[in-house]
Amino acid sequence: MVIPCPWCGDRENIEFKYGGSAQVAYPADPASVDDATWARFVFFRPNPKGKMAERWVHTAGCRRWFSLVRDTMTHEITPS
């Protein structure tokens, strides 16, 4: 799979690390969140069939984080 880094251009997927869904929001007030809510935040992620907004980091290149939209069926990537 070739991933388009916004700063370095198209690179092989081995240069990147997956950062998870871009749609998971960090709790607004972490100190007041109970254990069940933390468990949902840490362990439960969307796993849709089709397009999904994701976070990636270019670990073997510029080391910058970015978002893109990837189709989980075809791996077709659209920069976001």
C-alpha atoms as a PDB file:
ATOM      1  CA  MET A   1       0.000   0.000   0.000  1.00  0.00           C
ATOM      2  CA  VAL A   2       1.337   3.447  -0.901  1.00  0.00           C
ATOM      3  CA  ILE A   3       0.486   6.246   1.524  1.00  0.00           C
ATOM      4  CA  PRO A   4       0.644   9.899   0.443  1.00  0.00           C
ATOM      5  CA  CYS A   5       2.537  11.895   3.086  1.00  0.00           C
ATOM      6  CA  PRO A   6       1.544  15.575   2.754  1.00  0.00           C
ATOM      7  CA  TRP A   7       5.178  16.630   3.306  1.00  0.00           C
ATOM      8  CA  CYS A   8       7.274  13.810   1.768  1.00  0.00           C
ATOM      9  CA  GLY A   9       5.039  12.547  -1.036  1.00  0.00           C
ATOM     10  CA  ASP A  10       4.007   8.980  -1.793  1.00  0.00           C
ATOM     11  CA  ARG A  11       5.808   6.353   0.291  1.00  0.00           C
ATOM     12  CA  GLU A  12       5.435   2.629   1.026  1.00  0.00           C
ATOM     13  CA  ASN A  13       3.274   1.775   4.048  1.00  0.00           C
ATOM     14  CA  ILE A  14       6.253   0.273   5.916  1.00  0.00           C
ATOM     15  CA  GLU A  15       7.422   3.856   6.640  1.00  0.00           C
ATOM     16  CA  PHE A  16       4.241   4.658   8.600  1.00  0.00           C
ATOM     17  CA  LYS A  17       2.487   3.719  11.830  1.00  0.00           C
ATOM     18  CA  TYR A  18      -1.274   3.623  12.100  1.00  0.00           C
ATOM     19  CA  GLY A  19      -2.648   6.013  14.721  1.00  0.00           C
ATOM     20  CA  GLY A  20      -6.256   4.907  14.790  1.00  0.00           C
ATOM     21  CA  SER A  21      -9.537   6.484  13.901  1.00  0.00           C
ATOM     22  CA  ALA A  22      -9.465  10.243  13.439  1.00  0.00           C
ATOM     23  CA  GLN A  23     -13.016  10.455  14.768  1.00  0.00           C
ATOM     24  CA  VAL A  24     -12.345   9.366  18.364  1.00  0.00           C
ATOM     25  CA  ALA A  25     -12.345  12.424  20.611  1.00  0.00           C
ATOM     26  CA  TYR A  26     -10.268  12.576  23.798  1.00  0.00           C
ATOM     27  CA  PRO A  27     -12.498  13.134  26.869  1.00  0.00           C
ATOM     28  CA  ALA A  28     -13.023  16.854  27.527  1.00  0.00           C
ATOM     29  CA  ASP A  29     -12.498  16.508  31.282  1.00  0.00           C
ATOM     30  CA  PRO A  30     -10.313  13.408  31.826  1.00  0.00           C
ATOM     31  CA  ALA A  31     -10.231  13.796  35.612  1.00  0.00           C
ATOM     32  CA  SER A  32     -13.991  13.319  35.890  1.00  0.00           C
ATOM     33  CA  VAL A  33     -14.293  10.286  33.593  1.00  0.00           C
ATOM     34  CA  ASP A  34     -15.218   6.961  35.215  1.00  0.00           C
ATOM     35  CA  ASP A  35     -13.508   3.630  34.489  1.00  0.00           C
ATOM     36  CA  ALA A  36     -16.203   2.400  32.113  1.00  0.00           C
ATOM     37  CA  THR A  37     -15.914   5.532  29.978  1.00  0.00           C
ATOM     38  CA  TRP A  38     -12.106   5.227  29.905  1.00  0.00           C
ATOM     39  CA  ALA A  39     -12.423   1.581  28.874  1.00  0.00           C
ATOM     40  CA  ARG A  40     -14.702   2.544  25.964  1.00  0.00           C
ATOM     41  CA  PHE A  41     -12.267   5.306  24.945  1.00  0.00           C
ATOM     42  CA  VAL A  42      -9.165   3.077  25.077  1.00  0.00           C
ATOM     43  CA  PHE A  43     -10.443  -0.258  23.778  1.00  0.00           C
ATOM     44  CA  PHE A  44     -13.485   0.288  21.551  1.00  0.00           C
ATOM     45  CA  ARG A  45     -12.891   1.699  18.086  1.00  0.00           C
ATOM     46  CA  PRO A  46     -15.005   1.911  14.964  1.00  0.00           C
ATOM     47  CA  ASN A  47     -14.351  -0.789  12.381  1.00  0.00           C
ATOM     48  CA  PRO A  48     -16.504   0.225   9.420  1.00  0.00           C
ATOM     49  CA  LYS A  49     -16.686  -1.479   6.090  1.00  0.00           C
ATOM     50  CA  GLY A  50     -15.883   1.314   3.648  1.00  0.00           C
ATOM     51  CA  LYS A  51     -14.396   4.782   4.037  1.00  0.00           C
ATOM     52  CA  MET A  52     -12.895   5.763   7.389  1.00  0.00           C
ATOM     53  CA  ALA A  53     -10.970   8.839   8.553  1.00  0.00           C
ATOM     54  CA  GLU A  54      -7.641   7.725  10.047  1.00  0.00           C
ATOM     55  CA  ARG A  55      -4.526   9.190  11.685  1.00  0.00           C
ATOM     56  CA  TRP A  56      -1.045   8.159  10.509  1.00  0.00           C
ATOM     57  CA  VAL A  57       2.498   9.158  11.483  1.00  0.00           C
ATOM     58  CA  HIS A  58       5.420   9.055   9.042  1.00  0.00           C
ATOM     59  CA  THR A  59       7.885   7.364  11.416  1.00  0.00           C
ATOM     60  CA  ALA A  60      10.617   6.703   8.829  1.00  0.00           C
ATOM     61  CA  GLY A  61      10.373  10.154   7.278  1.00  0.00           C
ATOM     62  CA  CYS A  62       9.282  13.565   8.520  1.00  0.00           C
ATOM     63  CA  ARG A  63       7.733  12.106  11.738  1.00  0.00           C
ATOM     64  CA  ARG A  64       4.631  14.240  11.318  1.00  0.00           C
ATOM     65  CA  TRP A  65       1.044  13.205  12.009  1.00  0.00           C
ATOM     66  CA  PHE A  66      -1.668  13.610   9.379  1.00  0.00           C
ATOM     67  CA  SER A  67      -5.177  12.456   8.564  1.00  0.00           C
ATOM     68  CA  LEU A  68      -6.481  10.694   5.509  1.00  0.00           C
ATOM     69  CA  VAL A  69      -9.565   8.785   4.445  1.00  0.00           C
ATOM     70  CA  ARG A  70      -9.003   5.111   3.582  1.00  0.00           C
ATOM     71  CA  ASP A  71     -11.506   2.634   2.239  1.00  0.00           C
ATOM     72  CA  THR A  72     -11.130  -0.428   4.469  1.00  0.00           C
ATOM     73  CA  MET A  73     -12.255  -2.749   1.655  1.00  0.00           C
ATOM     74  CA  THR A  74     -10.072  -1.510  -1.233  1.00  0.00           C
ATOM     75  CA  HIS A  75      -7.362   0.463   0.666  1.00  0.00           C
ATOM     76  CA  GLU A  76      -8.020   3.393  -1.686  1.00  0.00           C
ATOM     77  CA  ILE A  77      -6.683   6.526   0.032  1.00  0.00           C
ATOM     78  CA  THR A  78      -8.014  10.065  -0.167  1.00  0.00           C
ATOM     79  CA  PRO A  79      -6.067  12.826   1.667  1.00  0.00           C
ATOM     80  CA  SER A  80      -8.293  14.809   4.020  1.00  0.00           C
END
